[in-house]
């Protein structure tokens, strides 16, 4: 059910606010008179504080919160009364999920400049977000008392009181609002939403029914009351009101969505989807509410056990709605995005990637869609496409590290090792406060350096990756395998490979690596045990694993068995360049 939300969006306002009743200032708080030299010194200090404040603001805008915090703290060290810096620190601490410090700075800012309404808004909002609703409502009440003309704050006060379970007090606030604003649609809608969200459905119903006595043809009230009747289990009354709304306004597609939900709840699928089809085909109804419907269907058909006939029918109908949505909103990439989600969930990966690519024609600036396409390129082992897509993404988002990681992986897979290393180093240097991502860059650099024959740099990169993420099974496996190929540090390679198999048991490539390390150490019986595990877990279709099996059998003296496995590996493909020689000569290459 759609209940109206509070009218204030404080965080959005606060992100840009230094306006309102009184603007925040970056100037030092001190003043007074003194000697001429004192004025010069004070002027220099003011200039220094302003430079620090501007540098801190630039760091915040550049996505460097740690640097911004340090610079704002320097502002306050030089100018202990700088409330603008306190305000910025409170917001940054909140962004970094440091609630105690956020509240401390917000309270200091408000105390330093009690005439600045934005400082009070921030403090009230932080109290609310951190669950201190009593203090939030107290702060909102203070704003109302000091700025009684700010009637919109009364709505926020009422909603905060209701969230704190104090609905009687909240209703008194609405009574006060009516004395100032009357009983217009906004007041009715806000009080109804407050009560409905608080679970006070009977009181919410009374608000709407009272309003309809004064304005019986108000379709907004009728629609909300219809939805409320549905929620209260009075479906017949709801249907009657929906019909009244549609008679009054046949083009009201939002009501069609609500009517569809009414039919769907009763299990009447055909009339439900008839209404949805009409609503989805209305170009005047924005795409977002339609997307919400499809996301609901996506979640319903994803959860649960297995695909039932009902869920299959729902998926089929959802695809039909997506078709309508694409025709109705050809300028939007959102229909293609949700189509991609459905196709990917249904295992139709190639079609899903095409859908996400189509979405990028209209939503080029949407970073998550790019990341989805790049990941699907990688999963499809389409390294040429991955390189091209990653290059395009790095041009659009040059300061985001992730596209550089994909570009480096693609270049390495295409054997362009120097460009791969260049891309990976570029992306690595862009990572801020994200150790798992940084470890991924180091691991990929280890792979690229190994392939380029720069083994010392490869080992250094893997060591860096493991310092950041010592339990990463893939990093442990790759490092161990490369050491075994070189026949170096084999005991360390064995330990790392053993650990990777404990962390991710049953992985064919990890079992194959452990077998190969043991083989290089001369422990051929143990190697045979592990290579046969790898074959059983899927390696029987891998030319590389089967070739390794042949090598191990040869070392154990089973030359006929070795030749048989080498011939299988040759037929499978994907083995080493020496496989042809092994299969024809019956012995390993020198």
Protein backbone atom coordinates (compact mmCIF):
# COMPACT_ATOMS: atom_id res chain seq x y z
CA UNK A 1 0.00 0.00 0.00
CA UNK A 2 1.34 3.46 -0.90
CA UNK A 3 1.35 5.78 2.10
CA UNK A 4 2.57 9.36 1.64
CA UNK A 5 6.01 10.04 3.07
CA UNK A 6 7.03 13.09 5.15
CA UNK A 7 7.43 16.16 3.02
CA UNK A 8 10.92 17.04 4.24
CA UNK A 9 13.96 15.41 2.68
CA UNK A 10 16.47 16.73 5.11
CA UNK A 11 19.56 14.85 4.05
CA UNK A 12 19.13 16.05 0.47
CA UNK A 13 18.75 19.60 1.66
CA UNK A 14 21.63 19.35 4.08
CA UNK A 15 23.99 17.99 1.43
CA UNK A 16 24.03 21.40 -0.20
CA UNK A 17 22.79 23.67 2.55
CA UNK A 18 24.67 26.67 3.65
CA UNK A 19 21.68 28.91 3.07
CA UNK A 20 18.38 29.50 4.72
CA UNK A 21 17.94 31.81 7.63
CA UNK A 22 21.64 32.40 8.00
CA UNK A 23 24.55 31.18 5.94
CA UNK A 24 27.42 29.22 7.41
CA UNK A 25 30.73 31.02 7.34
CA UNK A 26 34.26 29.82 6.97
CA UNK A 27 35.76 32.90 8.59
CA UNK A 28 37.40 32.61 12.03
CA UNK A 29 35.07 33.28 14.90
CA UNK A 30 37.34 35.71 16.78
CA UNK A 31 37.07 39.49 16.58
CA UNK A 32 37.81 42.63 18.56
CA UNK A 33 40.48 45.31 18.35
CA UNK A 34 44.21 45.15 18.82
CA UNK A 35 47.53 46.44 17.65
CA UNK A 36 48.19 46.83 13.88
CA UNK A 37 50.39 43.75 13.92
CA UNK A 38 47.56 41.80 15.48
CA UNK A 39 45.31 42.72 12.55
CA UNK A 40 47.88 41.41 10.08
CA UNK A 41 48.27 38.17 12.02
CA UNK A 42 44.49 37.74 12.26
CA UNK A 43 44.13 38.40 8.54
CA UNK A 44 46.75 35.75 7.75
CA UNK A 45 44.99 33.27 10.01
CA UNK A 46 41.62 34.00 8.38
CA UNK A 47 43.14 33.36 4.98
CA UNK A 48 44.72 30.11 6.16
CA UNK A 49 41.43 28.89 7.65
CA UNK A 50 39.58 29.73 4.44
CA UNK A 51 42.15 27.86 2.35
CA UNK A 52 41.89 24.82 4.61
CA UNK A 53 38.09 24.95 4.42
CA UNK A 54 38.15 25.14 0.62
CA UNK A 55 40.68 22.30 0.39
CA UNK A 56 38.54 20.20 2.74
CA UNK A 57 35.44 20.87 0.68
CA UNK A 58 37.28 19.89 -2.51
CA UNK A 59 38.47 16.66 -0.86
CA UNK A 60 34.88 15.85 0.13
CA UNK A 61 33.67 16.47 -3.41
CA UNK A 62 36.48 14.26 -4.76
CA UNK A 63 35.35 11.33 -2.62
CA UNK A 64 38.21 11.60 -0.10
CA UNK A 65 36.37 11.70 3.24
CA UNK A 66 39.44 10.89 5.34
CA UNK A 67 41.40 13.80 3.89
CA UNK A 68 38.38 16.11 4.22
CA UNK A 69 37.94 15.21 7.89
CA UNK A 70 41.61 15.90 8.65
CA UNK A 71 41.44 19.31 6.94
CA UNK A 72 38.20 20.36 8.65
CA UNK A 73 39.73 19.35 11.99
CA UNK A 74 42.70 21.60 11.19
CA UNK A 75 40.24 24.44 10.57
CA UNK A 76 38.80 23.97 14.04
CA UNK A 77 42.25 23.68 15.62
CA UNK A 78 43.11 27.11 14.21
CA UNK A 79 39.62 28.51 14.80
CA UNK A 80 37.87 26.62 17.65
CA UNK A 81 34.57 28.39 17.02
CA UNK A 82 34.29 27.57 13.31
CA UNK A 83 30.76 26.18 13.27
CA UNK A 84 30.75 25.69 9.48
CA UNK A 85 33.61 23.18 9.81
CA UNK A 86 31.76 21.47 12.68
CA UNK A 87 28.68 21.16 10.46
CA UNK A 88 30.72 19.59 7.66
CA UNK A 89 32.44 17.20 10.08
CA UNK A 90 29.07 16.05 11.40
CA UNK A 91 27.93 15.16 7.88
CA UNK A 92 31.19 13.38 7.06
CA UNK A 93 31.11 11.37 10.28
CA UNK A 94 27.56 10.31 9.45
CA UNK A 95 28.67 9.24 5.96
CA UNK A 96 31.42 7.13 7.54
CA UNK A 97 28.91 5.53 9.95
CA UNK A 98 30.45 7.11 13.04
CA UNK A 99 27.25 8.17 14.83
CA UNK A 100 28.68 9.29 18.18
CA UNK A 101 31.14 11.66 16.50
CA UNK A 102 28.50 12.86 14.04
CA UNK A 103 26.18 13.83 16.89
CA UNK A 104 29.00 15.46 18.84
CA UNK A 105 29.93 17.75 15.95
CA UNK A 106 26.30 18.49 15.07
CA UNK A 107 25.60 19.53 18.67
CA UNK A 108 28.73 21.69 18.73
CA UNK A 109 27.74 23.41 15.48
CA UNK A 110 24.25 24.13 16.77
CA UNK A 111 25.59 25.44 20.09
CA UNK A 112 28.14 27.64 18.32
CA UNK A 113 25.50 29.23 16.08
CA UNK A 114 21.98 28.68 17.46
CA UNK A 115 20.55 31.06 14.85
CA UNK A 116 21.42 28.74 11.93
CA UNK A 117 18.35 26.63 11.14
CA UNK A 118 20.32 24.16 9.00
CA UNK A 119 22.43 23.10 11.96
CA UNK A 120 19.26 22.29 13.86
CA UNK A 121 17.86 20.38 10.89
CA UNK A 122 21.01 18.26 10.74
CA UNK A 123 20.92 17.54 14.47
CA UNK A 124 17.24 16.56 14.36
CA UNK A 125 17.80 14.34 11.34
CA UNK A 126 20.78 12.58 12.93
CA UNK A 127 18.83 11.97 16.13
CA UNK A 128 16.05 10.43 14.04
CA UNK A 129 18.36 8.22 12.00
CA UNK A 130 20.14 6.98 15.11
CA UNK A 131 16.87 6.04 16.80
CA UNK A 132 16.84 8.87 19.36
CA UNK A 133 13.34 9.92 18.37
CA UNK A 134 12.59 11.77 21.60
CA UNK A 135 15.56 14.07 21.03
CA UNK A 136 14.70 14.40 17.35
CA UNK A 137 11.17 15.56 18.15
CA UNK A 138 12.53 17.90 20.83
CA UNK A 139 14.87 19.47 18.27
CA UNK A 140 12.09 19.83 15.69
CA UNK A 141 9.93 21.45 18.38
CA UNK A 142 12.75 23.91 19.02
CA UNK A 143 12.79 24.82 15.33
CA UNK A 144 9.01 25.36 15.34
CA UNK A 145 9.25 27.54 18.45
CA UNK A 146 12.03 29.69 17.01
CA UNK A 147 10.75 29.82 13.43
CA UNK A 148 6.94 29.47 13.71
CA UNK A 149 6.48 30.48 10.07
CA UNK A 150 8.24 27.25 8.94
CA UNK A 151 5.01 25.27 8.84
CA UNK A 152 6.60 22.37 6.94
CA UNK A 153 8.67 21.53 10.04
CA UNK A 154 5.46 20.79 11.93
CA UNK A 155 4.82 17.91 9.53
CA UNK A 156 8.25 16.47 10.30
CA UNK A 157 7.64 16.93 14.02
CA UNK A 158 4.34 15.07 13.78
CA UNK A 159 5.84 12.18 11.81
CA UNK A 160 8.72 11.89 14.28
CA UNK A 161 6.33 11.78 17.22
CA UNK A 162 4.30 9.09 15.47
CA UNK A 163 7.41 7.00 14.80
CA UNK A 164 8.16 7.27 18.52
CA UNK A 165 4.72 5.84 19.29
CA UNK A 166 3.35 9.21 20.42
CA UNK A 167 0.49 9.43 17.93
CA UNK A 168 -1.79 11.38 20.27
CA UNK A 169 0.82 14.15 20.49
CA UNK A 170 1.33 13.93 16.73
CA UNK A 171 -2.38 14.47 16.13
CA UNK A 172 -2.25 17.56 18.35
CA UNK A 173 0.48 18.90 16.07
CA UNK A 174 -1.81 18.33 13.07
CA UNK A 175 -4.56 20.19 14.91
CA UNK A 176 -2.10 23.07 15.24
CA UNK A 177 -1.24 22.79 11.54
CA UNK A 178 -4.92 23.13 10.64
CA UNK A 179 -5.15 26.40 12.55
CA UNK A 180 -2.41 27.78 10.28
CA UNK A 181 -3.05 26.02 6.96
CA UNK A 182 -6.63 24.80 7.09
CA UNK A 183 -7.68 21.25 6.20
CA UNK A 184 -6.39 21.16 2.64
CA UNK A 185 -5.32 18.12 0.68
CA UNK A 186 -1.70 18.26 1.83
CA UNK A 187 -2.70 18.30 5.50
CA UNK A 188 -5.17 15.45 5.06
CA UNK A 189 -2.71 13.39 3.03
CA UNK A 190 0.12 13.89 5.52
CA UNK A 191 -1.99 13.02 8.57
CA UNK A 192 -3.43 9.99 6.83
CA UNK A 193 0.05 8.81 5.83
CA UNK A 194 1.38 9.32 9.35
CA UNK A 195 -1.42 7.27 10.90
CA UNK A 196 -1.32 4.54 8.26
CA UNK A 197 2.44 4.13 8.59
CA UNK A 198 2.03 3.94 12.37
CA UNK A 199 -0.50 1.11 11.94
CA UNK A 200 -3.39 3.26 13.17
CA UNK A 201 -5.64 2.20 10.30
CA UNK A 202 -8.97 3.04 11.93
CA UNK A 203 -7.81 6.57 12.75
CA UNK A 204 -6.42 6.94 9.22
CA UNK A 205 -9.78 5.83 7.85
CA UNK A 206 -11.58 8.44 9.95
CA UNK A 207 -9.30 11.20 8.61
CA UNK A 208 -10.18 10.31 5.01
CA UNK A 209 -13.88 9.76 5.63
CA UNK A 210 -14.09 13.14 7.39
CA UNK A 211 -12.27 14.84 4.53
CA UNK A 212 -14.63 13.23 2.00
CA UNK A 213 -17.62 14.75 3.77
CA UNK A 214 -16.20 18.17 2.91
CA UNK A 215 -14.92 17.16 -0.54
CA UNK A 216 -16.86 14.05 -1.68
CA UNK A 217 -15.49 13.98 -5.22
CA UNK A 218 -11.80 14.23 -4.31
CA UNK A 219 -10.29 11.34 -6.27
CA UNK A 220 -7.07 11.41 -4.24
CA UNK A 221 -9.01 10.78 -1.03
CA UNK A 222 -11.15 8.12 -2.74
CA UNK A 223 -8.07 6.31 -4.04
CA UNK A 224 -6.30 6.33 -0.67
CA UNK A 225 -9.44 5.16 1.11
CA UNK A 226 -9.89 2.37 -1.43
CA UNK A 227 -6.36 1.14 -0.75
CA UNK A 228 -7.00 1.40 2.98
CA UNK A 229 -10.19 -0.64 2.66
CA UNK A 230 -8.17 -3.29 0.83
CA UNK A 231 -5.60 -3.32 3.62
CA UNK A 232 -8.35 -3.66 6.21
CA UNK A 233 -9.91 -6.59 4.35
CA UNK A 234 -12.97 -4.73 3.06
CA UNK A 235 -12.48 -5.59 -0.60
CA UNK A 236 -16.04 -4.87 -1.76
CA UNK A 237 -15.92 -1.32 -0.42
CA UNK A 238 -12.50 -0.88 -2.00
CA UNK A 239 -13.71 -2.03 -5.42
CA UNK A 240 -16.67 0.35 -5.28
CA UNK A 241 -14.34 3.29 -4.61
CA UNK A 242 -11.89 2.25 -7.33
CA UNK A 243 -14.79 2.24 -9.79
CA UNK A 244 -15.85 5.71 -8.66
CA UNK A 245 -12.31 7.00 -9.22
CA UNK A 246 -12.11 5.43 -12.69
CA UNK A 247 -15.48 6.87 -13.65
CA UNK A 248 -14.35 10.32 -12.54
CA UNK A 249 -10.94 10.02 -14.20
CA UNK A 250 -10.60 7.15 -16.72
CA UNK A 251 -6.99 8.16 -17.40
CA UNK A 252 -5.85 7.74 -13.77
CA UNK A 253 -3.21 5.08 -14.30
CA UNK A 254 -1.97 5.17 -10.70
CA UNK A 255 -5.42 4.02 -9.63
CA UNK A 256 -5.23 1.30 -12.28
CA UNK A 257 -2.07 0.04 -10.56
CA UNK A 258 -3.88 -0.02 -7.23
CA UNK A 259 -6.89 -1.74 -8.80
CA UNK A 260 -4.57 -4.34 -10.32
CA UNK A 261 -3.13 -4.99 -6.86
CA UNK A 262 -6.70 -5.41 -5.56
CA UNK A 263 -7.49 -8.05 -8.19
CA UNK A 264 -4.13 -9.77 -7.74
CA UNK A 265 -4.69 -10.11 -3.98
CA UNK A 266 -7.99 -11.88 -4.75
CA UNK A 267 -6.25 -14.24 -7.19
CA UNK A 268 -8.04 -12.70 -10.19
CA UNK A 269 -5.05 -12.64 -12.51
CA UNK A 270 -6.70 -11.75 -15.82
CA UNK A 271 -8.43 -8.54 -14.65
CA UNK A 272 -5.30 -7.65 -12.65
CA UNK A 273 -3.08 -7.84 -15.71
CA UNK A 274 -5.67 -6.12 -17.87
CA UNK A 275 -5.37 -3.08 -15.59
CA UNK A 276 -1.58 -3.38 -15.53
CA UNK A 277 -1.44 -3.52 -19.32
CA UNK A 278 -3.50 -0.33 -19.59
CA UNK A 279 -1.37 1.44 -16.98
CA UNK A 280 1.90 0.29 -18.53
CA UNK A 281 0.72 1.53 -21.92
CA UNK A 282 0.06 5.04 -20.60
CA UNK A 283 2.99 7.28 -21.64
CA UNK A 284 1.83 9.95 -19.18
CA UNK A 285 2.48 7.63 -16.23
CA UNK A 286 6.18 7.74 -15.44
CA UNK A 287 8.30 4.65 -15.83
CA UNK A 288 9.33 4.34 -12.16
CA UNK A 289 6.02 3.13 -10.65
CA UNK A 290 5.81 0.55 -13.42
CA UNK A 291 9.34 -0.58 -12.62
CA UNK A 292 8.31 -1.04 -8.99
CA UNK A 293 5.57 -3.44 -10.10
CA UNK A 294 8.04 -5.46 -12.18
CA UNK A 295 10.58 -5.53 -9.35
CA UNK A 296 7.86 -6.93 -7.12
CA UNK A 297 7.17 -9.70 -9.64
CA UNK A 298 10.91 -10.34 -9.93
CA UNK A 299 11.24 -10.82 -6.17
CA UNK A 300 8.13 -13.00 -5.97
CA UNK A 301 9.34 -15.31 -8.73
CA UNK A 302 12.90 -15.46 -7.38
CA UNK A 303 12.10 -16.42 -3.80
CA UNK A 304 10.62 -19.77 -2.86
CA UNK A 305 11.49 -23.29 -3.93
CA UNK A 306 11.47 -24.14 -7.61
CA UNK A 307 9.36 -22.87 -10.48
CA UNK A 308 5.66 -23.57 -9.96
CA UNK A 309 3.02 -23.21 -12.65
CA UNK A 310 1.89 -19.97 -10.99
CA UNK A 311 5.39 -18.51 -10.96
CA UNK A 312 5.94 -19.51 -14.60
CA UNK A 313 2.70 -17.77 -15.52
CA UNK A 314 3.77 -14.68 -13.59
CA UNK A 315 7.13 -14.61 -15.38
CA UNK A 316 5.41 -14.95 -18.75
CA UNK A 317 3.09 -12.06 -17.92
CA UNK A 318 6.02 -10.00 -16.64
CA UNK A 319 7.83 -10.34 -19.96
CA UNK A 320 4.65 -9.14 -21.70
CA UNK A 321 4.56 -6.08 -19.44
CA UNK A 322 8.22 -5.39 -20.19
CA UNK A 323 7.40 -5.47 -23.91
CA UNK A 324 4.65 -2.89 -23.33
CA UNK A 325 7.00 -0.79 -21.20
CA UNK A 326 9.67 -0.71 -23.91
CA UNK A 327 7.12 0.39 -26.51
CA UNK A 328 5.66 3.05 -24.22
CA UNK A 329 8.99 4.48 -23.03
CA UNK A 330 11.41 3.98 -25.95
CA UNK A 331 13.61 6.79 -24.63
CA UNK A 332 14.35 5.00 -21.34
CA UNK A 333 16.88 2.28 -20.64
CA UNK A 334 15.06 1.08 -17.52
CA UNK A 335 12.81 -1.45 -19.35
CA UNK A 336 15.89 -3.08 -20.88
CA UNK A 337 17.55 -3.16 -17.47
CA UNK A 338 14.68 -5.05 -15.83
CA UNK A 339 14.49 -7.34 -18.87
CA UNK A 340 18.17 -8.10 -18.33
CA UNK A 341 17.50 -8.91 -14.68
CA UNK A 342 14.74 -11.37 -15.60
CA UNK A 343 16.77 -12.99 -18.39
CA UNK A 344 19.84 -13.36 -16.20
CA UNK A 345 17.78 -14.88 -13.40
CA UNK A 346 16.28 -17.30 -15.95
CA UNK A 347 19.74 -18.39 -17.12
CA UNK A 348 19.48 -16.72 -20.54
CA UNK A 349 22.84 -15.02 -20.17
CA UNK A 350 23.54 -14.03 -23.78
CA UNK A 351 20.12 -12.38 -24.11
CA UNK A 352 20.58 -10.72 -20.72
CA UNK A 353 23.88 -9.19 -21.77
CA UNK A 354 22.25 -7.87 -24.96
CA UNK A 355 19.49 -6.30 -22.86
CA UNK A 356 21.95 -4.56 -20.55
CA UNK A 357 23.90 -3.34 -23.58
CA UNK A 358 20.69 -1.89 -25.00
CA UNK A 359 20.04 -0.14 -21.69
CA UNK A 360 23.43 1.56 -21.98
CA UNK A 361 22.27 3.26 -25.19
CA UNK A 362 19.98 5.36 -22.98
CA UNK A 363 21.63 5.12 -19.55
CA UNK A 364 25.30 5.64 -20.42
CA UNK A 365 25.97 7.37 -17.12
CA UNK A 366 24.68 4.48 -14.99
CA UNK A 367 27.78 2.91 -13.47
CA UNK A 368 26.02 -0.25 -12.11
CA UNK A 369 24.83 -1.20 -15.60
CA UNK A 370 28.38 -0.93 -16.91
CA UNK A 371 29.59 -3.15 -14.07
CA UNK A 372 26.91 -5.72 -14.94
CA UNK A 373 27.96 -5.79 -18.60
CA UNK A 374 31.65 -6.09 -17.72
CA UNK A 375 30.97 -8.94 -15.31
CA UNK A 376 28.91 -10.77 -17.93
CA UNK A 377 31.66 -10.26 -20.52
CA UNK A 378 34.08 -11.85 -18.08
CA UNK A 379 31.76 -14.75 -17.24
CA UNK A 380 31.25 -15.40 -20.95
CA UNK A 381 35.05 -15.36 -21.46
CA UNK A 382 34.41 -12.81 -24.21
CA UNK A 383 37.69 -11.05 -23.60
CA UNK A 384 37.61 -8.91 -26.74
CA UNK A 385 34.21 -7.51 -25.75
CA UNK A 386 35.43 -7.10 -22.17
CA UNK A 387 38.39 -5.05 -23.38
CA UNK A 388 36.22 -2.81 -25.57
CA UNK A 389 33.54 -2.33 -22.92
CA UNK A 390 36.08 -1.71 -20.17
CA UNK A 391 37.86 0.90 -22.30
CA UNK A 392 34.55 2.70 -22.83
CA UNK A 393 33.84 2.54 -19.10
CA UNK A 394 37.25 3.95 -18.18
CA UNK A 395 36.61 6.90 -20.49
CA UNK A 396 33.28 7.61 -18.81
CA UNK A 397 34.46 6.91 -15.26
CA UNK A 398 38.21 7.56 -15.31
CA UNK A 399 38.51 7.89 -11.53
CA UNK A 400 36.61 4.69 -10.71
CA UNK A 401 39.01 1.78 -10.20
CA UNK A 402 36.73 -1.13 -11.15
CA UNK A 403 36.66 -0.61 -14.95
CA UNK A 404 40.46 -0.51 -14.92
CA UNK A 405 40.50 -3.90 -13.20
CA UNK A 406 38.30 -5.41 -15.90
CA UNK A 407 40.42 -3.77 -18.60
CA UNK A 408 43.59 -5.21 -17.12
CA UNK A 409 42.09 -8.69 -16.92
CA UNK A 410 40.91 -8.47 -20.53
CA UNK A 411 44.27 -7.29 -21.86
CA UNK A 412 46.06 -10.07 -19.97
CA UNK A 413 43.71 -12.72 -21.36
CA UNK A 414 44.38 -11.34 -24.85
CA UNK A 415 48.14 -11.65 -24.13
CA UNK A 416 48.66 -7.88 -24.23
CA UNK A 417 50.64 -7.97 -21.00
CA UNK A 418 52.17 -4.49 -20.97
CA UNK A 419 48.79 -2.74 -21.54
CA UNK A 420 47.30 -5.07 -18.91
CA UNK A 421 49.91 -4.06 -16.35
CA UNK A 422 49.48 -0.37 -17.21
CA UNK A 423 45.69 -0.57 -16.73
CA UNK A 424 46.00 -2.49 -13.46
CA UNK A 425 48.55 -0.07 -12.00
CA UNK A 426 46.31 2.87 -12.98
CA UNK A 427 43.27 1.34 -11.31
CA UNK A 428 45.21 0.17 -8.26
CA UNK A 429 46.33 3.73 -7.56
CA UNK A 430 42.70 4.91 -7.62
CA UNK A 431 41.54 2.57 -4.84
CA UNK A 432 40.68 4.34 -1.57
CA UNK A 433 39.73 2.56 1.67
CA UNK A 434 38.81 -0.74 -0.01
CA UNK A 435 41.23 -3.53 0.87
CA UNK A 436 39.33 -6.35 -0.91
CA UNK A 437 39.33 -4.39 -4.18
CA UNK A 438 42.97 -3.44 -3.75
CA UNK A 439 43.82 -7.10 -3.15
CA UNK A 440 42.05 -8.00 -6.42
CA UNK A 441 44.26 -5.54 -8.27
CA UNK A 442 47.41 -7.03 -6.73
CA UNK A 443 46.26 -10.57 -7.60
CA UNK A 444 45.57 -9.60 -11.21
CA UNK A 445 48.95 -7.87 -11.36
CA UNK A 446 50.52 -11.08 -10.09
CA UNK A 447 48.85 -12.99 -12.93
CA UNK A 448 49.91 -10.41 -15.54
CA UNK A 449 53.51 -10.16 -14.35
CA UNK A 450 53.77 -13.98 -14.36
CA UNK A 451 52.48 -14.19 -17.92
CA UNK A 452 54.94 -11.47 -18.94
CA UNK A 453 57.81 -13.48 -17.44
CA UNK A 454 58.48 -10.88 -14.73
CA UNK A 455 58.46 -13.41 -11.91
CA UNK A 456 59.99 -11.27 -9.16
CA UNK A 457 57.31 -8.62 -9.70
CA UNK A 458 54.68 -11.36 -9.82
CA UNK A 459 55.75 -12.73 -6.44
CA UNK A 460 55.79 -9.22 -4.94
CA UNK A 461 52.26 -8.58 -6.21
CA UNK A 462 50.92 -11.84 -4.79
CA UNK A 463 52.60 -11.14 -1.46
CA UNK A 464 50.89 -7.73 -1.36
CA UNK A 465 47.54 -9.33 -2.19
CA UNK A 466 47.89 -11.90 0.59
CA UNK A 467 48.86 -9.24 3.12
CA UNK A 468 45.54 -7.56 2.39
CA UNK A 469 43.45 -10.74 2.04
CA UNK A 470 45.33 -13.76 3.44
CA UNK A 471 42.39 -16.14 3.07
CA UNK A 472 41.62 -15.52 -0.59
CA UNK A 473 41.51 -19.00 -2.09
CA UNK A 474 42.00 -17.86 -5.69
CA UNK A 475 45.08 -15.80 -4.85
CA UNK A 476 46.57 -18.69 -2.87
CA UNK A 477 45.88 -21.11 -5.72
CA UNK A 478 47.30 -18.94 -8.50
CA UNK A 479 50.44 -18.05 -6.57
CA UNK A 480 51.04 -21.71 -5.70
CA UNK A 481 50.51 -22.84 -9.29
CA UNK A 482 52.93 -20.30 -10.73
CA UNK A 483 55.60 -21.27 -8.21
CA UNK A 484 55.11 -24.94 -9.11
CA UNK A 485 55.51 -24.21 -12.82
CA UNK A 486 58.85 -22.57 -12.04
CA UNK A 487 59.81 -25.27 -9.54
CA UNK A 488 60.51 -22.60 -6.90
CA UNK A 489 59.51 -22.34 -3.21
CA UNK A 490 57.63 -25.62 -3.56
CA UNK A 491 56.98 -26.12 0.15
CA UNK A 492 55.38 -22.68 0.37
CA UNK A 493 53.44 -23.47 -2.79
CA UNK A 494 52.19 -26.71 -1.21
CA UNK A 495 51.08 -24.89 1.97
CA UNK A 496 49.21 -22.24 0.00
CA UNK A 497 47.55 -24.80 -2.27
CA UNK A 498 46.54 -26.93 0.70
CA UNK A 499 44.98 -23.87 2.35
CA UNK A 500 43.07 -22.94 -0.81
CA UNK A 501 41.52 -26.42 -0.92
CA UNK A 502 40.48 -26.12 2.72
CA UNK A 503 38.92 -22.72 2.06
CA UNK A 504 37.10 -23.84 -1.11
CA UNK A 505 36.84 -27.64 -1.19
CA UNK A 506 35.74 -29.42 -4.36
CA UNK A 507 37.16 -26.83 -6.78
CA UNK A 508 38.65 -28.65 -9.76
CA UNK A 509 41.36 -26.09 -10.50
CA UNK A 510 42.46 -25.95 -6.85
CA UNK A 511 42.68 -29.75 -6.64
CA UNK A 512 44.62 -29.82 -9.90
CA UNK A 513 47.08 -27.23 -8.56
CA UNK A 514 47.66 -29.22 -5.37
CA UNK A 515 48.26 -32.37 -7.42
CA UNK A 516 50.72 -30.54 -9.65
CA UNK A 517 52.64 -29.06 -6.72
CA UNK A 518 52.96 -32.53 -5.14
CA UNK A 519 54.08 -33.93 -8.50
CA UNK A 520 56.79 -31.26 -8.81
CA UNK A 521 57.93 -32.16 -5.29
CA UNK A 522 58.28 -35.81 -6.32
CA UNK A 523 55.33 -36.96 -4.19
CA UNK A 524 53.68 -38.74 -7.11
CA UNK A 525 51.40 -41.12 -5.18
CA UNK A 526 49.79 -38.22 -3.32
CA UNK A 527 49.67 -36.29 -6.58
CA UNK A 528 47.71 -39.13 -8.19
CA UNK A 529 45.14 -39.06 -5.38
CA UNK A 530 44.56 -35.35 -5.84
CA UNK A 531 44.53 -35.36 -9.65
CA UNK A 532 41.87 -38.08 -9.56
CA UNK A 533 39.85 -35.87 -7.19
CA UNK A 534 40.16 -33.09 -9.75
CA UNK A 535 38.99 -35.42 -12.53
CA UNK A 536 35.99 -36.52 -10.46
CA UNK A 537 34.95 -32.93 -9.69
CA UNK A 538 34.79 -31.88 -13.34
CA UNK A 539 38.36 -32.02 -14.59
CA UNK A 540 37.68 -34.96 -16.92
CA UNK A 541 36.60 -32.47 -19.59
CA UNK A 542 39.66 -30.23 -19.15
CA UNK A 543 42.59 -30.86 -21.47
CA UNK A 544 44.97 -29.29 -18.95
CA UNK A 545 43.86 -31.49 -16.02
CA UNK A 546 43.88 -34.66 -18.15
CA UNK A 547 47.37 -33.80 -19.41
CA UNK A 548 48.55 -33.43 -15.81
CA UNK A 549 47.06 -36.85 -15.05
CA UNK A 550 49.14 -38.31 -17.87
CA UNK A 551 52.31 -36.64 -16.57
CA UNK A 552 51.72 -38.04 -13.07
CA UNK A 553 51.01 -41.54 -14.40
CA UNK A 554 54.23 -41.40 -16.44
CA UNK A 555 56.20 -40.45 -13.32
CA UNK A 556 54.66 -43.46 -11.55
CA UNK A 557 55.84 -45.76 -14.36
CA UNK A 558 52.45 -46.27 -16.04
CA UNK A 559 53.61 -45.19 -19.49
CA UNK A 560 50.70 -46.77 -21.38
CA UNK A 561 48.21 -45.05 -19.08
CA UNK A 562 50.05 -41.78 -19.56
CA UNK A 563 49.86 -41.98 -23.34
CA UNK A 564 46.15 -42.75 -23.15
CA UNK A 565 45.54 -39.62 -21.04
CA UNK A 566 47.72 -37.44 -23.26
CA UNK A 567 45.74 -38.51 -26.32
CA UNK A 568 42.51 -37.65 -24.48
CA UNK A 569 43.95 -34.26 -23.57
CA UNK A 570 44.93 -33.63 -27.19
CA UNK A 571 41.37 -34.41 -28.30
CA UNK A 572 39.83 -32.22 -25.60
CA UNK A 573 41.95 -29.17 -26.38
CA UNK A 574 43.20 -26.62 -23.88
CA UNK A 575 46.35 -28.54 -22.95
CA UNK A 576 49.92 -27.27 -23.21
CA UNK A 577 51.77 -26.72 -26.48
CA UNK A 578 53.76 -29.90 -25.76
CA UNK A 579 50.72 -32.19 -25.75
CA UNK A 580 51.11 -33.22 -29.40
CA UNK A 581 54.71 -34.29 -28.82
CA UNK A 582 53.77 -36.22 -25.68
CA UNK A 583 50.93 -38.07 -27.39
CA UNK A 584 53.03 -39.04 -30.41
CA UNK A 585 56.36 -39.84 -28.71
CA UNK A 586 54.92 -41.44 -25.59
CA UNK A 587 57.09 -39.45 -23.23
CA UNK A 588 57.17 -35.97 -21.66
CA UNK A 589 58.87 -33.19 -23.56
CA UNK A 590 62.42 -32.45 -22.48
